[in-house]
């Protein structure tokens, strides 16, 4: 430990003001470049659709990480002579600082690197974590930002990867299944109702018609439940899509005289 402290003292005592100014300029340029990427890329991505938007948003955290790594590689030789002894002293001190002072931050930082590699979620994905559901807006080195349907920003530390279940609705694609439920009273023509609901799905302006439309029927003690499953054109349209399916389906079923069931509270919970 004393040898490491002595090595650090000798290493940083040789730093000049010119080197500090040059290193500061490099760090400032890197910070400005990261700021521009974080502001401009999402704006460009917002004008695109489908996979192009998702891939462009996913490139933001990777570009930020690359800029940080390159900045460190450039700054270290400016400040100190890149000898073996100097590198041992600097990285040894950095490891101790991260280990004692920033344990939780380092945990999330490592999880962030794992996130960039495994990609359990990406910008543009609709995920659910600890009961919170929303769209991933950005991914940082420590945490991800998620926006809920109520326009609330939720910060998710990447450390959640280690101990939480993460549900991903579209998993990097533009396909996200939506479900509209209908609770109907018994004693009706099941096949007729299934045909009507299928027509409702294909008649919606939000439906991605090249994806399958599936209707699942379940028999309950109080009646029957129909789950109309289909895909919207864009994941961000999912709530308008479900509302449209529910409204259209209810109107069609009512016009056909199909009675709706009153679901008991215990059964709907």
Protein backbone atom coordinates (compact mmCIF):
# COMPACT_ATOMS: atom_id res chain seq x y z
CA UNK A 1 0.00 0.00 0.00
CA UNK A 2 2.84 2.39 0.85
CA UNK A 3 4.55 1.58 -2.45
CA UNK A 4 1.31 2.35 -4.31
CA UNK A 5 0.92 5.68 -2.48
CA UNK A 6 4.50 6.63 -3.21
CA UNK A 7 4.03 5.67 -6.85
CA UNK A 8 0.91 7.82 -7.14
CA UNK A 9 2.70 10.77 -5.51
CA UNK A 10 5.59 10.57 -7.93
CA UNK A 11 3.25 10.06 -10.90
CA UNK A 12 1.00 13.07 -10.29
CA UNK A 13 3.79 15.38 -9.10
CA UNK A 14 5.10 15.45 -12.68
CA UNK A 15 1.83 16.75 -14.15
CA UNK A 16 2.15 20.23 -15.68
CA UNK A 17 -0.45 22.95 -16.15
CA UNK A 18 -0.18 22.54 -19.92
CA UNK A 19 -1.04 18.85 -19.59
CA UNK A 20 -4.01 19.66 -17.34
CA UNK A 21 -5.38 22.18 -19.84
CA UNK A 22 -4.94 19.74 -22.73
CA UNK A 23 -6.65 16.96 -20.77
CA UNK A 24 -9.49 19.32 -19.83
CA UNK A 25 -10.01 20.21 -23.50
CA UNK A 26 -10.23 16.52 -24.41
CA UNK A 27 -12.75 15.83 -21.62
CA UNK A 28 -14.80 18.91 -22.61
CA UNK A 29 -14.86 17.84 -26.27
CA UNK A 30 -15.94 14.31 -25.27
CA UNK A 31 -18.70 15.64 -22.99
CA UNK A 32 -19.95 17.95 -25.77
CA UNK A 33 -19.95 15.09 -28.27
CA UNK A 34 -21.90 12.86 -25.86
CA UNK A 35 -24.39 15.68 -25.25
CA UNK A 36 -24.95 16.18 -28.99
CA UNK A 37 -25.42 12.43 -29.58
CA UNK A 38 -27.94 12.15 -26.72
CA UNK A 39 -29.93 15.10 -28.06
CA UNK A 40 -29.75 14.66 -31.83
CA UNK A 41 -29.96 10.88 -32.29
CA UNK A 42 -33.31 10.46 -30.44
CA UNK A 43 -34.75 13.33 -32.52
CA UNK A 44 -33.70 11.64 -35.74
CA UNK A 45 -34.96 8.29 -34.45
CA UNK A 46 -38.31 9.85 -33.58
CA UNK A 47 -38.86 10.61 -37.27
CA UNK A 48 -38.23 7.00 -38.25
CA UNK A 49 -40.27 3.87 -37.69
CA UNK A 50 -39.79 0.15 -37.26
CA UNK A 51 -36.38 -1.43 -36.76
CA UNK A 52 -34.47 1.63 -37.98
CA UNK A 53 -35.74 3.63 -35.00
CA UNK A 54 -34.91 0.88 -32.50
CA UNK A 55 -31.40 0.28 -33.86
CA UNK A 56 -30.63 4.00 -33.92
CA UNK A 57 -31.76 4.47 -30.31
CA UNK A 58 -29.79 1.41 -29.22
CA UNK A 59 -26.61 2.94 -30.67
CA UNK A 60 -26.68 5.88 -28.22
CA UNK A 61 -25.38 4.09 -25.08
CA UNK A 62 -22.80 2.18 -27.13
CA UNK A 63 -21.51 5.39 -28.71
CA UNK A 64 -21.36 7.05 -25.28
CA UNK A 65 -19.36 4.15 -23.84
CA UNK A 66 -16.92 4.21 -26.77
CA UNK A 67 -16.38 7.97 -26.40
CA UNK A 68 -15.66 7.56 -22.67
CA UNK A 69 -13.16 4.74 -23.30
CA UNK A 70 -11.40 6.68 -26.07
CA UNK A 71 -11.26 9.78 -23.85
CA UNK A 72 -9.61 7.82 -21.05
CA UNK A 73 -7.10 6.32 -23.49
CA UNK A 74 -6.24 9.80 -24.79
CA UNK A 75 -6.15 11.62 -21.43
CA UNK A 76 -4.00 9.19 -19.42
CA UNK A 77 -0.87 9.53 -21.64
CA UNK A 78 -1.28 13.32 -21.56
CA UNK A 79 -1.16 13.47 -17.77
CA UNK A 80 1.32 10.72 -16.95
CA UNK A 81 4.02 8.77 -18.69
CA UNK A 82 2.38 5.46 -19.66
CA UNK A 83 4.92 3.25 -17.95
CA UNK A 84 4.09 -0.06 -16.31
CA UNK A 85 4.67 1.31 -12.79
CA UNK A 86 2.45 4.36 -13.41
CA UNK A 87 -0.38 2.25 -14.80
CA UNK A 88 -0.22 -0.12 -11.82
CA UNK A 89 -0.40 2.83 -9.41
CA UNK A 90 -3.30 4.57 -11.19
CA UNK A 91 -5.48 1.55 -11.82
CA UNK A 92 -4.75 0.17 -8.36
CA UNK A 93 -5.97 3.39 -6.74
CA UNK A 94 -8.98 3.49 -9.06
CA UNK A 95 -9.88 -0.08 -8.12
CA UNK A 96 -9.72 0.72 -4.41
CA UNK A 97 -11.89 3.82 -4.86
CA UNK A 98 -14.52 1.91 -6.79
CA UNK A 99 -14.41 -0.98 -4.35
CA UNK A 100 -14.95 1.05 -1.17
CA UNK A 101 -16.65 4.30 -2.12
CA UNK A 102 -18.72 3.31 -5.16
CA UNK A 103 -19.66 -0.31 -4.56
CA UNK A 104 -23.32 0.12 -5.53
CA UNK A 105 -22.44 2.38 -8.45
CA UNK A 106 -19.82 -0.10 -9.66
CA UNK A 107 -22.40 -2.89 -9.41
CA UNK A 108 -24.82 -0.96 -11.63
CA UNK A 109 -21.97 0.05 -13.94
CA UNK A 110 -20.93 -3.57 -14.47
CA UNK A 111 -24.58 -4.51 -14.96
CA UNK A 112 -24.79 -1.70 -17.54
CA UNK A 113 -21.93 -3.25 -19.50
CA UNK A 114 -23.72 -6.61 -19.31
CA UNK A 115 -26.88 -4.85 -20.54
CA UNK A 116 -25.07 -3.49 -23.59
CA UNK A 117 -23.78 -6.99 -24.34
CA UNK A 118 -26.83 -9.15 -23.61
CA UNK A 119 -29.41 -6.44 -24.49
CA UNK A 120 -32.31 -7.64 -22.29
CA UNK A 121 -33.89 -4.29 -23.15
CA UNK A 122 -33.11 -1.53 -25.62
CA UNK A 123 -34.34 2.02 -26.25
CA UNK A 124 -37.80 1.65 -27.75
CA UNK A 125 -38.59 -1.60 -25.92
CA UNK A 126 -41.72 -1.80 -23.76
CA UNK A 127 -40.73 -3.51 -20.52
CA UNK A 128 -42.17 -4.27 -17.08
CA UNK A 129 -39.91 -4.18 -14.01
CA UNK A 130 -41.22 -4.44 -10.43
CA UNK A 131 -44.76 -3.63 -11.52
CA UNK A 132 -43.74 -0.60 -13.59
CA UNK A 133 -44.53 -0.75 -17.32
CA UNK A 134 -43.35 1.63 -19.99
CA UNK A 135 -41.05 2.40 -22.92
CA UNK A 136 -37.28 2.51 -22.46
CA UNK A 137 -36.30 6.04 -23.44
CA UNK A 138 -32.55 5.88 -22.91
CA UNK A 139 -29.87 3.61 -21.45
CA UNK A 140 -27.00 5.10 -19.46
CA UNK A 141 -23.92 3.49 -18.00
CA UNK A 142 -25.61 3.15 -14.58
CA UNK A 143 -29.35 3.17 -15.21
CA UNK A 144 -32.08 3.18 -17.83
CA UNK A 145 -34.93 5.70 -18.16
CA UNK A 146 -38.41 4.34 -18.73
CA UNK A 147 -41.51 6.42 -19.52
CA UNK A 148 -44.82 4.98 -18.33
CA UNK A 149 -48.15 5.41 -20.19
CA UNK A 150 -48.96 8.19 -17.68
CA UNK A 151 -45.82 10.07 -18.84
CA UNK A 152 -43.91 9.36 -15.62
CA UNK A 153 -40.16 8.87 -15.91
CA UNK A 154 -38.89 5.84 -13.96
CA UNK A 155 -35.15 5.36 -13.38
CA UNK A 156 -34.14 1.68 -13.39
CA UNK A 157 -30.61 0.92 -12.09
CA UNK A 158 -28.99 -1.78 -14.18
CA UNK A 159 -28.34 -3.64 -10.91
CA UNK A 160 -31.96 -4.79 -11.20
CA UNK A 161 -30.67 -7.31 -13.72
CA UNK A 162 -29.31 -9.42 -10.90
CA UNK A 163 -32.48 -9.88 -8.82
CA UNK A 164 -35.61 -8.79 -10.74
CA UNK A 165 -37.82 -10.32 -13.40
CA UNK A 166 -37.91 -8.18 -16.55
CA UNK A 167 -40.75 -8.59 -19.03
CA UNK A 168 -40.06 -7.33 -22.56
CA UNK A 169 -43.09 -6.83 -24.80
CA UNK A 170 -41.39 -6.36 -28.19
CA UNK A 171 -37.74 -7.37 -27.52
CA UNK A 172 -36.07 -5.07 -30.01
CA UNK A 173 -38.67 -5.49 -32.75
CA UNK A 174 -41.65 -3.44 -33.88
CA UNK A 175 -44.06 -6.30 -33.03
CA UNK A 176 -45.90 -6.01 -29.71
CA UNK A 177 -48.96 -8.13 -29.03
CA UNK A 178 -51.98 -6.38 -27.55
CA UNK A 179 -54.98 -8.02 -25.90
CA UNK A 180 -58.57 -6.79 -25.66
CA UNK A 181 -60.85 -8.77 -23.33
CA UNK A 182 -64.60 -9.28 -23.60
CA UNK A 183 -66.65 -10.92 -20.82
CA UNK A 184 -69.86 -12.35 -22.22
CA UNK A 185 -72.83 -14.11 -20.69
CA UNK A 186 -73.29 -17.82 -21.56
CA UNK A 187 -75.62 -19.35 -24.17
CA UNK A 188 -74.49 -17.62 -27.37
CA UNK A 189 -72.99 -18.68 -30.70
CA UNK A 190 -69.27 -18.94 -29.90
CA UNK A 191 -68.08 -19.30 -33.48
CA UNK A 192 -70.15 -16.33 -34.55
CA UNK A 193 -68.64 -14.16 -31.81
CA UNK A 194 -65.11 -15.28 -32.77
CA UNK A 195 -65.76 -14.35 -36.39
CA UNK A 196 -67.13 -10.95 -35.38
CA UNK A 197 -64.12 -10.17 -33.19
CA UNK A 198 -61.71 -11.26 -35.93
CA UNK A 199 -63.43 -8.85 -38.33
CA UNK A 200 -63.16 -6.11 -35.69
CA UNK A 201 -59.40 -6.59 -35.50
CA UNK A 202 -58.87 -6.44 -39.26
CA UNK A 203 -61.14 -3.38 -39.53
CA UNK A 204 -59.09 -1.34 -37.04
CA UNK A 205 -56.81 1.27 -38.68
CA UNK A 206 -54.09 0.42 -36.11
CA UNK A 207 -53.89 -3.31 -36.93
CA UNK A 208 -50.75 -4.74 -38.51
CA UNK A 209 -52.61 -7.06 -40.87
CA UNK A 210 -49.56 -9.11 -41.86
CA UNK A 211 -49.32 -10.43 -38.29
CA UNK A 212 -51.74 -13.11 -36.99
CA UNK A 213 -54.98 -12.28 -35.18
CA UNK A 214 -55.76 -14.83 -32.47
CA UNK A 215 -58.89 -15.23 -30.36
CA UNK A 216 -58.69 -17.29 -27.17
CA UNK A 217 -61.92 -18.39 -25.48
CA UNK A 218 -62.12 -19.47 -21.85
CA UNK A 219 -65.22 -20.90 -20.16
CA UNK A 220 -65.92 -19.45 -16.69
CA UNK A 221 -68.56 -20.20 -14.08
CA UNK A 222 -70.26 -16.87 -14.78
CA UNK A 223 -69.91 -16.89 -18.59
CA UNK A 224 -67.17 -16.78 -21.21
CA UNK A 225 -64.06 -14.65 -21.69
CA UNK A 226 -62.78 -13.75 -25.14
CA UNK A 227 -59.21 -12.49 -25.51
CA UNK A 228 -58.65 -10.77 -28.85
CA UNK A 229 -54.90 -10.77 -29.58
CA UNK A 230 -53.43 -8.67 -32.39
CA UNK A 231 -50.48 -6.43 -33.24
CA UNK A 232 -50.55 -2.64 -33.74
CA UNK A 233 -48.62 -0.91 -36.52
CA UNK A 234 -46.29 0.66 -33.94
CA UNK A 235 -45.71 -0.38 -30.30
CA UNK A 236 -46.38 3.20 -29.20
CA UNK A 237 -49.95 2.85 -30.58
CA UNK A 238 -50.77 -0.05 -28.23
CA UNK A 239 -53.15 1.82 -25.90
CA UNK A 240 -55.05 3.52 -28.71
CA UNK A 241 -55.17 0.13 -30.42
CA UNK A 242 -56.61 -1.68 -27.37
CA UNK A 243 -59.15 1.11 -26.86
CA UNK A 244 -60.18 0.93 -30.52
CA UNK A 245 -60.56 -2.87 -30.40
CA UNK A 246 -62.58 -2.66 -27.17
CA UNK A 247 -64.90 0.06 -28.50
CA UNK A 248 -65.45 -1.56 -31.89
CA UNK A 249 -65.90 -5.02 -30.37
CA UNK A 250 -68.42 -3.81 -27.81
CA UNK A 251 -70.46 -2.01 -30.47
CA UNK A 252 -70.54 -5.02 -32.79
CA UNK A 253 -71.45 -7.48 -30.03
CA UNK A 254 -74.18 -5.17 -28.72
CA UNK A 255 -75.65 -4.77 -32.21
CA UNK A 256 -75.72 -8.57 -32.54
CA UNK A 257 -77.60 -8.88 -29.24
CA UNK A 258 -74.80 -10.77 -27.46
CA UNK A 259 -75.20 -10.08 -23.72
CA UNK A 260 -72.23 -9.02 -21.62
CA UNK A 261 -71.58 -10.72 -18.32
CA UNK A 262 -71.26 -9.09 -14.89
CA UNK A 263 -67.98 -10.50 -13.62
CA UNK A 264 -67.91 -11.09 -9.84
CA UNK A 265 -65.27 -9.05 -8.03
CA UNK A 266 -63.50 -12.17 -6.74
CA UNK A 267 -63.37 -13.66 -10.24
CA UNK A 268 -61.95 -10.52 -11.87
CA UNK A 269 -59.22 -10.03 -9.26
